[in-house]
């Protein structure tokens, strides 16, 4: 098997993507840390719960929406729960699952933080693009995400982060969140 090296154009595009994604995530994290004392992941948990019916989701569904491992979500929810922004509840229709529920305090933090977060996203990303580029960005990102997910790759259930289990040596729990 021969290595399919990147062309010079692909190499430039790859490096530009890496630089932009890391700088964008840093800018968003800095803003959220300054305004709310939380990283982007924690804000994303709150935002996704605020959009859910009754402001609650099964942990496995929340992990899928966030495209993260269940153990990473468990860590984030544990911290948010400690701070009174999220509450875990038993799931009445699936005894193997638990629900993450956004508290009134979590909703208040989200409402206070959202304007600054949106302004940061706008200033660091969308204000730098034309309307045509916004459409292209959506198409590109959607195509990449779709191609990486199980239904497009035909991969095993463990190929997507929200279905991965922590290895026993990593200290993660094998139980479903």
Protein backbone atom coordinates (compact mmCIF):
# COMPACT_ATOMS: atom_id res chain seq x y z
CA UNK A 1 0.00 0.00 0.00
CA UNK A 2 1.42 3.36 -0.98
CA UNK A 3 0.88 6.51 1.01
CA UNK A 4 -1.38 9.06 -0.63
CA UNK A 5 0.52 12.19 0.41
CA UNK A 6 -1.30 15.50 0.45
CA UNK A 7 -0.82 17.74 -2.52
CA UNK A 8 0.63 21.19 -1.81
CA UNK A 9 -2.89 22.66 -2.11
CA UNK A 10 -4.31 20.06 0.30
CA UNK A 11 -1.44 20.63 2.73
CA UNK A 12 -2.12 24.39 2.76
CA UNK A 13 -5.87 23.80 3.22
CA UNK A 14 -5.23 21.31 6.05
CA UNK A 15 -2.89 23.66 7.88
CA UNK A 16 -5.28 26.58 7.41
CA UNK A 17 -8.14 24.46 8.82
CA UNK A 18 -6.06 23.42 11.86
CA UNK A 19 -4.98 27.01 12.58
CA UNK A 20 -8.50 28.42 12.16
CA UNK A 21 -10.23 25.74 14.22
CA UNK A 22 -7.73 26.01 17.09
CA UNK A 23 -7.83 29.82 17.12
CA UNK A 24 -11.64 29.84 16.93
CA UNK A 25 -12.02 27.36 19.79
CA UNK A 26 -9.51 29.36 21.86
CA UNK A 27 -11.39 32.63 21.29
CA UNK A 28 -14.72 31.04 22.24
CA UNK A 29 -13.25 29.34 25.32
CA UNK A 30 -11.61 32.60 26.49
CA UNK A 31 -14.87 34.54 26.15
CA UNK A 32 -16.87 31.88 28.02
CA UNK A 33 -14.25 31.57 30.76
CA UNK A 34 -14.23 35.35 31.26
CA UNK A 35 -18.02 35.78 31.24
CA UNK A 36 -19.24 32.54 32.81
CA UNK A 37 -16.21 30.75 34.23
CA UNK A 38 -16.83 27.73 32.02
CA UNK A 39 -15.34 26.12 28.92
CA UNK A 40 -17.16 25.88 25.60
CA UNK A 41 -18.15 22.26 26.24
CA UNK A 42 -20.05 23.20 29.41
CA UNK A 43 -21.83 26.03 27.59
CA UNK A 44 -22.75 23.60 24.80
CA UNK A 45 -24.29 21.21 27.34
CA UNK A 46 -26.43 24.02 28.74
CA UNK A 47 -27.41 25.27 25.26
CA UNK A 48 -28.44 21.81 24.04
CA UNK A 49 -30.49 21.18 27.18
CA UNK A 50 -32.21 24.57 26.79
CA UNK A 51 -33.37 23.53 23.31
CA UNK A 52 -34.72 20.14 24.46
CA UNK A 53 -38.33 19.49 25.46
CA UNK A 54 -38.72 20.19 29.18
CA UNK A 55 -35.03 21.22 29.13
CA UNK A 56 -33.83 17.63 29.58
CA UNK A 57 -32.28 14.84 27.51
CA UNK A 58 -31.06 11.30 27.99
CA UNK A 59 -27.33 11.40 28.59
CA UNK A 60 -26.68 9.19 25.54
CA UNK A 61 -28.76 11.50 23.32
CA UNK A 62 -26.92 14.54 24.68
CA UNK A 63 -23.55 12.90 23.99
CA UNK A 64 -24.66 12.26 20.41
CA UNK A 65 -25.81 15.86 19.91
CA UNK A 66 -22.48 17.13 21.24
CA UNK A 67 -20.46 14.50 19.29
CA UNK A 68 -18.45 13.57 22.39
CA UNK A 69 -17.72 10.42 24.36
CA UNK A 70 -20.08 9.45 27.13
CA UNK A 71 -17.27 9.66 29.68
CA UNK A 72 -16.45 13.24 28.63
CA UNK A 73 -20.13 14.16 28.94
CA UNK A 74 -20.35 12.50 32.35
CA UNK A 75 -17.41 14.62 33.52
CA UNK A 76 -18.99 17.84 32.21
CA UNK A 77 -22.42 17.08 33.66
CA UNK A 78 -20.89 16.18 37.02
CA UNK A 79 -19.15 19.57 37.16
CA UNK A 80 -22.29 21.43 36.03
CA UNK A 81 -24.36 19.48 38.55
CA UNK A 82 -21.93 20.45 41.31
CA UNK A 83 -22.41 24.10 40.32
CA UNK A 84 -26.22 23.75 40.39
CA UNK A 85 -26.72 24.28 36.65
CA UNK A 86 -27.71 20.73 35.71
CA UNK A 87 -29.48 17.97 37.59
CA UNK A 88 -29.36 14.24 36.81
CA UNK A 89 -32.60 12.29 37.01
CA UNK A 90 -33.60 8.68 36.53
CA UNK A 91 -35.11 7.96 33.12
CA UNK A 92 -38.63 6.55 33.61
CA UNK A 93 -38.83 4.96 30.13
CA UNK A 94 -35.29 3.52 29.98
CA UNK A 95 -34.04 2.16 33.30
CA UNK A 96 -30.48 1.86 31.90
CA UNK A 97 -30.29 5.60 31.22
CA UNK A 98 -30.33 8.82 33.14
CA UNK A 99 -31.45 12.28 32.11
CA UNK A 100 -29.59 15.55 32.29
CA UNK A 101 -31.94 18.38 33.18
CA UNK A 102 -31.19 22.10 32.95
CA UNK A 103 -31.97 23.87 36.23
CA UNK A 104 -33.37 27.38 36.49
CA UNK A 105 -29.91 28.50 37.66
CA UNK A 106 -28.32 26.90 34.56
CA UNK A 107 -30.88 28.62 32.33
CA UNK A 108 -30.12 31.97 33.98
CA UNK A 109 -26.37 31.50 33.37
CA UNK A 110 -27.07 30.58 29.75
CA UNK A 111 -29.30 33.63 29.22
CA UNK A 112 -26.66 35.90 30.75
CA UNK A 113 -23.83 34.40 28.72
CA UNK A 114 -25.52 33.86 25.34
CA UNK A 115 -25.26 37.46 24.02
CA UNK A 116 -21.48 37.58 24.54
CA UNK A 117 -21.05 34.09 23.12
CA UNK A 118 -23.05 34.93 19.99
CA UNK A 119 -21.09 38.15 19.52
CA UNK A 120 -17.80 36.22 19.79
CA UNK A 121 -18.97 33.64 17.23
CA UNK A 122 -20.14 36.41 14.91
CA UNK A 123 -16.93 38.47 15.26
CA UNK A 124 -14.52 35.56 14.97
CA UNK A 125 -16.28 33.61 12.22
CA UNK A 126 -19.30 35.00 10.40
CA UNK A 127 -18.18 38.62 10.09
CA UNK A 128 -15.17 37.33 8.14
CA UNK A 129 -17.27 35.45 5.56
CA UNK A 130 -19.50 36.46 2.69
CA UNK A 131 -23.04 35.04 2.61
CA UNK A 132 -21.88 32.67 -0.12
CA UNK A 133 -18.99 31.47 2.06
CA UNK A 134 -21.39 30.86 4.96
CA UNK A 135 -23.35 28.49 2.72
CA UNK A 136 -20.14 26.84 1.55
CA UNK A 137 -18.92 26.44 5.14
CA UNK A 138 -22.19 24.75 6.10
CA UNK A 139 -22.01 22.41 3.09
CA UNK A 140 -18.37 21.53 3.73
CA UNK A 141 -18.83 20.88 7.45
CA UNK A 142 -22.04 18.92 6.91
CA UNK A 143 -20.33 16.74 4.30
CA UNK A 144 -17.34 16.06 6.55
CA UNK A 145 -19.51 15.25 9.58
CA UNK A 146 -21.81 13.01 7.57
CA UNK A 147 -18.87 11.17 6.08
CA UNK A 148 -17.35 10.54 9.49
CA UNK A 149 -20.51 9.18 11.07
CA UNK A 150 -21.34 5.53 11.15
CA UNK A 151 -24.15 5.51 8.59
CA UNK A 152 -21.84 6.93 5.93
CA UNK A 153 -18.72 4.93 6.77
CA UNK A 154 -20.42 1.61 7.46
CA UNK A 155 -18.18 1.36 10.50
CA UNK A 156 -18.81 -0.41 13.76
CA UNK A 157 -20.93 1.08 16.52
CA UNK A 158 -17.79 2.15 18.35
CA UNK A 159 -16.66 4.37 15.45
CA UNK A 160 -18.55 7.42 16.70
CA UNK A 161 -17.54 9.15 19.96
CA UNK A 162 -20.93 8.96 21.70
CA UNK A 163 -20.95 5.17 21.38
CA UNK A 164 -17.42 4.59 22.62
CA UNK A 165 -16.87 3.12 26.01
CA UNK A 166 -13.98 4.14 28.20
CA UNK A 167 -11.28 1.54 28.55
CA UNK A 168 -10.94 0.09 32.06
CA UNK A 169 -7.40 1.45 32.30
CA UNK A 170 -8.55 5.03 31.57
CA UNK A 171 -10.53 5.22 34.76
CA UNK A 172 -13.82 5.66 32.93
CA UNK A 173 -17.01 3.81 33.76
CA UNK A 174 -18.26 1.02 31.55
CA UNK A 175 -21.86 1.76 32.48
CA UNK A 176 -24.08 3.75 30.17
CA UNK A 177 -24.63 7.28 31.40
